[in-house]
Amino acid sequence: CSRKDRCLRAEESFRFATDFDRCVKVIAHPDSIAVSAHSVPLLLEVNNVPDLSAGITCSFGQQAQAEGHVNGNRVMCLSPAGKEVPQISEGQDWAGVELRLNSNETGQMVASTEVKFYNCSTHQM
């Protein structure tokens, strides 16, 4: 959050939101991935964002970072590979990781969502 007068280019579309209906929204497809699956393409639908044509970097928690591919209001990110997949705590069958979309133009986070990594072999009913 910031004051409008401190937001560079606040007058441009989607640079400054004055109400919750204009807040950034992100939907990930899929929103959960098996820990055994590496480099899975994730399609992120993003709404109410500024122009992303300068590029996006996808960051999965502290584990991995990769270039995102922008096509209009969609961003494609690859999930982490091998050793960068998050560890699931003992007694759990999934772990959530924050997926952040960072602007290559400003270096700032544009949006984030949670992606779950699951391990079916440890799931108990």
N, C-alpha and C. Protein backbone atom coordinates (compact mmCIF):
# COMPACT_ATOMS: atom_id res chain seq x y z
N CYS A 1 0.84 -1.19 0.00
CA CYS A 1 0.00 0.00 0.00
C CYS A 1 0.88 1.25 0.00
N SER A 2 0.41 2.25 -0.67
CA SER A 2 1.13 3.52 -0.67
C SER A 2 0.16 4.64 -0.98
N ARG A 3 0.61 5.84 -0.72
CA ARG A 3 -0.18 7.01 -1.09
C ARG A 3 -0.10 7.16 -2.61
N LYS A 4 -1.17 7.63 -3.19
CA LYS A 4 -1.22 7.77 -4.65
C LYS A 4 -0.14 8.70 -5.16
N ASP A 5 0.16 9.77 -4.41
CA ASP A 5 1.18 10.71 -4.87
C ASP A 5 2.59 10.13 -4.81
N ARG A 6 2.75 8.96 -4.18
CA ARG A 6 4.07 8.30 -4.12
C ARG A 6 4.17 7.12 -5.08
N CYS A 7 3.09 6.89 -5.82
CA CYS A 7 3.06 5.79 -6.78
C CYS A 7 3.41 6.34 -8.15
N LEU A 8 4.59 5.93 -8.66
CA LEU A 8 5.01 6.39 -9.97
C LEU A 8 4.00 5.97 -11.02
N ARG A 9 3.67 6.86 -11.92
CA ARG A 9 2.76 6.59 -13.02
C ARG A 9 1.40 6.11 -12.55
N ALA A 10 0.92 6.61 -11.41
CA ALA A 10 -0.35 6.19 -10.82
C ALA A 10 -1.54 6.43 -11.75
N GLU A 11 -1.41 7.36 -12.67
CA GLU A 11 -2.52 7.69 -13.57
C GLU A 11 -2.69 6.66 -14.69
N GLU A 12 -1.70 5.80 -14.92
CA GLU A 12 -1.81 4.78 -15.96
C GLU A 12 -2.77 3.68 -15.49
N SER A 13 -3.40 3.02 -16.44
CA SER A 13 -4.35 1.95 -16.11
C SER A 13 -3.71 0.88 -15.23
N PHE A 14 -4.43 0.48 -14.22
CA PHE A 14 -4.06 -0.60 -13.31
C PHE A 14 -2.77 -0.36 -12.53
N ARG A 15 -2.30 0.88 -12.45
CA ARG A 15 -1.10 1.19 -11.67
C ARG A 15 -1.45 1.51 -10.22
N PHE A 16 -2.69 1.96 -10.00
CA PHE A 16 -3.09 2.32 -8.64
C PHE A 16 -4.56 1.97 -8.47
N ALA A 17 -4.89 1.15 -7.47
CA ALA A 17 -6.27 0.75 -7.22
C ALA A 17 -6.85 1.56 -6.07
N THR A 18 -8.03 2.09 -6.31
CA THR A 18 -8.69 2.88 -5.27
C THR A 18 -9.80 2.11 -4.58
N ASP A 19 -10.14 0.92 -5.07
CA ASP A 19 -11.14 0.09 -4.39
C ASP A 19 -10.83 -1.38 -4.62
N PHE A 20 -11.40 -2.25 -3.77
CA PHE A 20 -11.08 -3.67 -3.81
C PHE A 20 -11.48 -4.36 -5.11
N ASP A 21 -12.48 -3.85 -5.80
CA ASP A 21 -12.90 -4.45 -7.07
C ASP A 21 -11.83 -4.33 -8.15
N ARG A 22 -10.87 -3.45 -7.96
CA ARG A 22 -9.81 -3.26 -8.94
C ARG A 22 -8.51 -3.92 -8.51
N CYS A 23 -8.52 -4.67 -7.40
CA CYS A 23 -7.30 -5.34 -6.94
C CYS A 23 -6.91 -6.46 -7.90
N VAL A 24 -5.63 -6.77 -7.92
CA VAL A 24 -5.10 -7.83 -8.77
C VAL A 24 -5.68 -9.17 -8.35
N LYS A 25 -6.04 -9.97 -9.34
CA LYS A 25 -6.56 -11.31 -9.10
C LYS A 25 -5.72 -12.29 -9.91
N VAL A 26 -5.38 -13.43 -9.29
CA VAL A 26 -4.59 -14.47 -9.96
C VAL A 26 -5.26 -15.82 -9.75
N ILE A 27 -5.39 -16.56 -10.83
CA ILE A 27 -5.90 -17.93 -10.75
C ILE A 27 -4.87 -18.83 -11.44
N ALA A 28 -4.40 -19.85 -10.72
CA ALA A 28 -3.39 -20.78 -11.25
C ALA A 28 -4.05 -22.07 -11.72
N HIS A 29 -3.61 -22.55 -12.90
CA HIS A 29 -4.08 -23.82 -13.46
C HIS A 29 -2.85 -24.65 -13.80
N PRO A 30 -2.57 -25.76 -13.17
CA PRO A 30 -3.24 -26.26 -11.98
C PRO A 30 -2.76 -25.51 -10.74
N ASP A 31 -3.48 -25.68 -9.63
CA ASP A 31 -3.06 -25.02 -8.39
C ASP A 31 -2.39 -26.00 -7.43
N SER A 32 -2.24 -27.25 -7.87
CA SER A 32 -1.49 -28.23 -7.08
C SER A 32 -0.73 -29.16 -8.02
N ILE A 33 0.44 -29.60 -7.55
CA ILE A 33 1.36 -30.38 -8.37
C ILE A 33 1.96 -31.49 -7.52
N ALA A 34 2.11 -32.67 -8.09
CA ALA A 34 2.78 -33.76 -7.39
C ALA A 34 4.26 -33.44 -7.22
N VAL A 35 4.83 -33.78 -6.08
CA VAL A 35 6.25 -33.51 -5.85
C VAL A 35 7.13 -34.28 -6.82
N SER A 36 6.61 -35.36 -7.38
CA SER A 36 7.39 -36.16 -8.33
C SER A 36 7.37 -35.56 -9.74
N ALA A 37 6.50 -34.57 -9.98
CA ALA A 37 6.42 -33.94 -11.30
C ALA A 37 7.29 -32.68 -11.29
N HIS A 38 8.20 -32.58 -12.24
CA HIS A 38 9.12 -31.46 -12.29
C HIS A 38 8.88 -30.63 -13.55
N SER A 39 9.11 -29.34 -13.45
CA SER A 39 8.96 -28.41 -14.57
C SER A 39 7.59 -28.51 -15.23
N VAL A 40 6.55 -28.48 -14.39
CA VAL A 40 5.17 -28.52 -14.87
C VAL A 40 4.77 -27.11 -15.30
N PRO A 41 4.20 -26.96 -16.51
CA PRO A 41 3.75 -25.63 -16.92
C PRO A 41 2.51 -25.21 -16.12
N LEU A 42 2.57 -24.03 -15.55
CA LEU A 42 1.44 -23.45 -14.83
C LEU A 42 0.93 -22.27 -15.63
N LEU A 43 -0.36 -22.23 -15.89
CA LEU A 43 -0.96 -21.11 -16.58
C LEU A 43 -1.63 -20.23 -15.53
N LEU A 44 -1.20 -18.99 -15.45
CA LEU A 44 -1.75 -18.05 -14.48
C LEU A 44 -2.58 -17.01 -15.21
N GLU A 45 -3.86 -16.94 -14.83
CA GLU A 45 -4.72 -15.89 -15.36
C GLU A 45 -4.64 -14.73 -14.39
N VAL A 46 -4.21 -13.57 -14.88
CA VAL A 46 -4.06 -12.39 -14.02
C VAL A 46 -4.98 -11.29 -14.52
N ASN A 47 -5.68 -10.66 -13.60
CA ASN A 47 -6.60 -9.58 -13.94
C ASN A 47 -6.27 -8.34 -13.12
N ASN A 48 -6.57 -7.20 -13.70
CA ASN A 48 -6.35 -5.89 -13.06
C ASN A 48 -4.88 -5.63 -12.78
N VAL A 49 -4.02 -6.01 -13.72
CA VAL A 49 -2.59 -5.78 -13.58
C VAL A 49 -2.13 -4.72 -14.58
N PRO A 50 -1.03 -4.04 -14.27
CA PRO A 50 -0.47 -3.12 -15.25
C PRO A 50 0.08 -3.88 -16.45
N ASP A 51 0.52 -3.18 -17.45
CA ASP A 51 1.11 -3.77 -18.65
C ASP A 51 2.29 -4.66 -18.26
N LEU A 52 2.24 -5.91 -18.68
CA LEU A 52 3.28 -6.89 -18.32
C LEU A 52 4.26 -7.13 -19.46
N SER A 53 4.20 -6.33 -20.52
CA SER A 53 5.01 -6.58 -21.70
C SER A 53 6.52 -6.48 -21.45
N ALA A 54 6.94 -5.82 -20.36
CA ALA A 54 8.37 -5.75 -20.02
C ALA A 54 8.88 -7.07 -19.47
N GLY A 55 7.95 -7.99 -19.15
CA GLY A 55 8.34 -9.32 -18.69
C GLY A 55 8.05 -9.55 -17.22
N ILE A 56 8.00 -10.83 -16.87
CA ILE A 56 7.67 -11.29 -15.52
C ILE A 56 8.67 -12.37 -15.11
N THR A 57 9.05 -12.35 -13.85
CA THR A 57 9.83 -13.44 -13.27
C THR A 57 8.93 -14.17 -12.29
N CYS A 58 8.93 -15.49 -12.35
CA CYS A 58 8.15 -16.33 -11.46
C CYS A 58 9.06 -16.83 -10.34
N SER A 59 8.66 -16.61 -9.09
CA SER A 59 9.46 -17.06 -7.95
C SER A 59 8.62 -17.98 -7.08
N PHE A 60 9.12 -19.18 -6.82
CA PHE A 60 8.45 -20.15 -5.96
C PHE A 60 9.10 -20.11 -4.59
N GLY A 61 8.51 -19.35 -3.66
CA GLY A 61 9.10 -19.22 -2.34
C GLY A 61 10.55 -18.83 -2.45
N GLN A 62 11.40 -19.47 -1.68
CA GLN A 62 12.83 -19.23 -1.74
C GLN A 62 13.54 -20.28 -2.60
N GLN A 63 12.77 -21.24 -3.15
CA GLN A 63 13.38 -22.37 -3.83
C GLN A 63 13.84 -22.07 -5.25
N ALA A 64 13.00 -21.44 -6.06
CA ALA A 64 13.32 -21.35 -7.49
C ALA A 64 12.81 -20.05 -8.09
N GLN A 65 13.46 -19.66 -9.15
CA GLN A 65 13.07 -18.46 -9.88
C GLN A 65 13.27 -18.73 -11.37
N ALA A 66 12.29 -18.34 -12.19
CA ALA A 66 12.38 -18.58 -13.64
C ALA A 66 11.64 -17.48 -14.37
N GLU A 67 12.01 -17.30 -15.62
CA GLU A 67 11.35 -16.31 -16.47
C GLU A 67 9.94 -16.78 -16.80
N GLY A 68 8.97 -15.88 -16.68
CA GLY A 68 7.59 -16.18 -17.07
C GLY A 68 7.37 -15.76 -18.52
N HIS A 69 6.42 -16.39 -19.17
CA HIS A 69 6.10 -16.06 -20.56
C HIS A 69 4.72 -15.40 -20.58
N VAL A 70 4.67 -14.15 -21.00
CA VAL A 70 3.46 -13.34 -20.95
C VAL A 70 2.74 -13.39 -22.30
N ASN A 71 1.42 -13.60 -22.25
CA ASN A 71 0.57 -13.53 -23.42
C ASN A 71 -0.73 -12.87 -22.99
N GLY A 72 -0.82 -11.56 -23.17
CA GLY A 72 -2.00 -10.82 -22.72
C GLY A 72 -2.12 -10.85 -21.21
N ASN A 73 -3.26 -11.37 -20.71
CA ASN A 73 -3.45 -11.45 -19.26
C ASN A 73 -3.13 -12.85 -18.73
N ARG A 74 -2.32 -13.59 -19.48
CA ARG A 74 -1.91 -14.92 -19.05
C ARG A 74 -0.40 -14.98 -18.95
N VAL A 75 0.06 -15.67 -17.91
CA VAL A 75 1.49 -15.86 -17.71
C VAL A 75 1.73 -17.36 -17.53
N MET A 76 2.71 -17.89 -18.24
CA MET A 76 3.07 -19.29 -18.10
C MET A 76 4.38 -19.37 -17.33
N CYS A 77 4.36 -20.14 -16.25
CA CYS A 77 5.56 -20.36 -15.43
C CYS A 77 5.79 -21.86 -15.35
N LEU A 78 7.04 -22.27 -15.26
CA LEU A 78 7.36 -23.67 -15.02
C LEU A 78 7.60 -23.88 -13.54
N SER A 79 7.01 -24.94 -13.00
CA SER A 79 7.23 -25.27 -11.59
C SER A 79 8.69 -25.67 -11.40
N PRO A 80 9.18 -25.66 -10.15
CA PRO A 80 10.58 -26.00 -9.90
C PRO A 80 10.93 -27.40 -10.37
N ALA A 81 12.20 -27.58 -10.66
CA ALA A 81 12.71 -28.88 -11.11
C ALA A 81 13.43 -29.58 -9.95
N GLY A 82 13.32 -30.89 -9.90
CA GLY A 82 14.07 -31.76 -9.00
C GLY A 82 14.31 -31.25 -7.59
N LYS A 83 15.56 -30.90 -7.32
CA LYS A 83 15.98 -30.53 -5.96
C LYS A 83 15.35 -29.23 -5.47
N GLU A 84 14.74 -28.44 -6.37
CA GLU A 84 14.13 -27.18 -5.96
C GLU A 84 12.68 -27.34 -5.52
N VAL A 85 12.10 -28.54 -5.69
CA VAL A 85 10.74 -28.80 -5.23
C VAL A 85 10.75 -28.75 -3.70
N PRO A 86 9.78 -28.08 -3.09
CA PRO A 86 9.80 -27.93 -1.62
C PRO A 86 9.68 -29.26 -0.89
N GLN A 87 10.32 -29.31 0.27
CA GLN A 87 10.23 -30.49 1.13
C GLN A 87 8.90 -30.45 1.87
N ILE A 88 8.28 -31.61 2.00
CA ILE A 88 7.02 -31.72 2.73
C ILE A 88 7.35 -32.20 4.13
N SER A 89 6.83 -31.51 5.13
CA SER A 89 7.10 -31.85 6.53
C SER A 89 6.61 -33.26 6.85
N GLU A 90 7.33 -33.90 7.76
CA GLU A 90 6.94 -35.24 8.19
C GLU A 90 5.52 -35.19 8.77
N GLY A 91 4.72 -36.20 8.41
CA GLY A 91 3.34 -36.25 8.88
C GLY A 91 2.37 -35.46 8.01
N GLN A 92 2.88 -34.78 7.02
CA GLN A 92 2.04 -34.01 6.10
C GLN A 92 2.08 -34.67 4.72
N ASP A 93 1.05 -34.39 3.91
CA ASP A 93 1.07 -34.92 2.55
C ASP A 93 1.12 -33.81 1.50
N TRP A 94 1.24 -32.56 1.93
CA TRP A 94 1.40 -31.45 0.98
C TRP A 94 2.07 -30.27 1.67
N ALA A 95 2.62 -29.39 0.84
CA ALA A 95 3.22 -28.14 1.32
C ALA A 95 2.81 -27.03 0.36
N GLY A 96 2.44 -25.90 0.91
CA GLY A 96 2.08 -24.74 0.10
C GLY A 96 3.28 -23.84 -0.11
N VAL A 97 3.40 -23.30 -1.32
CA VAL A 97 4.50 -22.39 -1.66
C VAL A 97 3.90 -21.15 -2.31
N GLU A 98 4.39 -19.99 -1.91
CA GLU A 98 3.93 -18.75 -2.54
C GLU A 98 4.61 -18.60 -3.90
N LEU A 99 3.79 -18.49 -4.93
CA LEU A 99 4.28 -18.20 -6.28
C LEU A 99 4.11 -16.70 -6.50
N ARG A 100 5.23 -16.00 -6.64
CA ARG A 100 5.20 -14.54 -6.83
C ARG A 100 5.52 -14.20 -8.28
N LEU A 101 4.77 -13.26 -8.82
CA LEU A 101 5.05 -12.72 -10.15
C LEU A 101 5.69 -11.37 -9.94
N ASN A 102 6.94 -11.24 -10.36
CA ASN A 102 7.69 -10.00 -10.18
C ASN A 102 7.90 -9.32 -11.54
N SER A 103 7.65 -8.02 -11.57
CA SER A 103 7.81 -7.24 -12.79
C SER A 103 9.28 -7.09 -13.14
N ASN A 104 9.65 -7.38 -14.38
CA ASN A 104 11.02 -7.13 -14.83
C ASN A 104 11.26 -5.63 -14.98
N GLU A 105 10.20 -4.86 -15.18
CA GLU A 105 10.31 -3.41 -15.34
C GLU A 105 10.66 -2.72 -14.03
N THR A 106 9.96 -3.09 -12.95
CA THR A 106 10.13 -2.39 -11.67
C THR A 106 10.85 -3.22 -10.62
N GLY A 107 10.91 -4.55 -10.80
CA GLY A 107 11.48 -5.42 -9.77
C GLY A 107 10.51 -5.69 -8.63
N GLN A 108 9.32 -5.11 -8.71
CA GLN A 108 8.33 -5.27 -7.65
C GLN A 108 7.42 -6.46 -7.91
N MET A 109 6.87 -7.04 -6.83
CA MET A 109 5.90 -8.11 -6.96
C MET A 109 4.60 -7.52 -7.50
N VAL A 110 4.08 -8.12 -8.54
CA VAL A 110 2.82 -7.69 -9.14
C VAL A 110 1.66 -8.44 -8.52
N ALA A 111 1.86 -9.73 -8.28
CA ALA A 111 0.79 -10.58 -7.74
C ALA A 111 1.41 -11.84 -7.16
N SER A 112 0.62 -12.53 -6.34
CA SER A 112 1.07 -13.82 -5.81
C SER A 112 -0.13 -14.72 -5.57
N THR A 113 0.14 -16.02 -5.52
CA THR A 113 -0.87 -17.01 -5.21
C THR A 113 -0.17 -18.21 -4.59
N GLU A 114 -0.91 -19.09 -3.97
CA GLU A 114 -0.31 -20.28 -3.38
C GLU A 114 -0.44 -21.46 -4.34
N VAL A 115 0.64 -22.22 -4.46
CA VAL A 115 0.64 -23.46 -5.22
C VAL A 115 0.99 -24.56 -4.23
N LYS A 116 0.21 -25.65 -4.29
CA LYS A 116 0.43 -26.77 -3.37
C LYS A 116 1.21 -27.87 -4.07
N PHE A 117 2.19 -28.41 -3.36
CA PHE A 117 2.94 -29.57 -3.83
C PHE A 117 2.52 -30.73 -2.92
N TYR A 118 2.08 -31.84 -3.52
CA TYR A 118 1.54 -32.94 -2.73
C TYR A 118 2.29 -34.24 -3.00
N ASN A 119 2.19 -35.15 -2.03
CA ASN A 119 2.81 -36.48 -2.14
C ASN A 119 1.74 -37.50 -1.80
N CYS A 120 1.17 -38.12 -2.83
CA CYS A 120 0.09 -39.09 -2.62
C CYS A 120 0.54 -40.30 -1.80
N SER A 121 1.81 -40.67 -1.90
CA SER A 121 2.27 -41.87 -1.20
C SER A 121 2.27 -41.70 0.32
N THR A 122 2.22 -40.48 0.81
CA THR A 122 2.18 -40.27 2.27
C THR A 122 0.78 -39.89 2.76
N HIS A 123 -0.19 -39.80 1.85
CA HIS A 123 -1.55 -39.42 2.25
C HIS A 123 -2.19 -40.54 3.06
N GLN A 124 -2.75 -40.19 4.22
CA GLN A 124 -3.42 -41.15 5.08
C GLN A 124 -4.87 -40.77 5.21
N MET A 125 -5.74 -41.78 5.20
CA MET A 125 -7.18 -41.52 5.32
C MET A 125 -7.64 -41.80 6.72
